[in-house]
Amino acid sequence: MKIEVNWDRCEANAICMRAAPAVFLVDDADKMHVLCDDVPEEQKENVRRAAARCPKRALTLVGE
């Protein structure tokens, strides 16, 4: 599974980071980063939760 981010929609509100802190990081400059190219198996459920909770629907999961 890969994560595509719609950067025009992303507000870096850290909801994704709270759901999957091993995969998403919002830095001190309020910029969101995806920490891995391919989501590890043990993080897939957390990433699904993060995408579902994103208020701007900025995350798309590819290869589901």
Protein backbone atom coordinates (compact mmCIF):
# COMPACT_ATOMS: atom_id res chain seq x y z
CA MET A 1 0.00 0.00 0.00
CA LYS A 2 1.20 3.49 -0.85
CA ILE A 3 -0.10 6.84 0.31
CA GLU A 4 -0.90 9.68 -2.06
CA VAL A 5 -1.32 13.12 -0.52
CA ASN A 6 -3.33 15.89 -2.12
CA TRP A 7 -1.09 18.72 -0.94
CA ASP A 8 -3.63 21.34 -2.02
CA ARG A 9 -6.11 19.89 0.48
CA CYS A 10 -3.75 18.97 3.33
CA GLU A 11 -3.92 21.38 6.27
CA ALA A 12 -1.33 19.52 8.38
CA ASN A 13 -3.75 19.35 11.29
CA ALA A 14 -1.96 16.22 12.63
CA ILE A 15 -4.99 13.94 12.77
CA CYS A 16 -3.12 11.50 10.54
CA MET A 17 -0.08 11.71 12.80
CA ARG A 18 -2.17 10.86 15.87
CA ALA A 19 -3.65 7.83 14.07
CA ALA A 20 -0.35 6.59 12.60
CA PRO A 21 2.67 8.29 14.21
CA ALA A 22 5.08 5.78 12.66
CA VAL A 23 3.97 6.84 9.18
CA PHE A 24 3.05 10.56 9.38
CA LEU A 25 4.88 13.49 10.92
CA VAL A 26 3.79 17.10 11.20
CA ASP A 27 6.88 19.20 11.85
CA ASP A 28 7.31 22.44 13.79
CA ALA A 29 6.69 24.41 10.59
CA ASP A 30 3.25 22.74 10.25
CA LYS A 31 4.28 20.66 7.24
CA MET A 32 3.13 17.07 7.01
CA HIS A 33 5.58 14.36 5.94
CA VAL A 34 4.97 10.73 4.96
CA LEU A 35 7.79 8.75 6.58
CA CYS A 36 7.70 5.65 4.35
CA ASP A 37 7.13 4.92 0.66
CA ASP A 38 5.45 1.57 1.23
CA VAL A 39 3.28 1.17 4.31
CA PRO A 40 4.51 -1.70 6.52
CA GLU A 41 1.95 -4.44 7.11
CA GLU A 42 1.72 -3.66 10.82
CA GLN A 43 0.80 -0.02 10.07
CA LYS A 44 -1.87 -0.58 7.41
CA GLU A 45 -4.84 -0.43 9.79
CA ASN A 46 -3.50 2.77 11.38
CA VAL A 47 -3.05 4.32 7.94
CA ARG A 48 -6.58 3.35 6.92
CA ARG A 49 -7.82 5.01 10.11
CA ALA A 50 -5.77 8.12 9.36
CA ALA A 51 -7.17 8.40 5.83
CA ALA A 52 -10.74 7.93 7.07
CA ARG A 53 -10.33 10.60 9.76
CA CYS A 54 -8.70 13.23 7.55
CA PRO A 55 -11.19 16.14 7.56
CA LYS A 56 -10.01 17.35 4.14
CA ARG A 57 -9.84 13.87 2.57
CA ALA A 58 -6.29 14.63 1.52
CA LEU A 59 -5.05 11.03 1.79
CA THR A 60 -5.61 8.34 -0.84
CA LEU A 61 -4.47 4.76 -0.31
CA VAL A 62 -3.15 3.06 -3.44
CA GLY A 63 -2.86 -0.69 -3.75
CA GLU A 64 -5.63 -1.53 -1.32
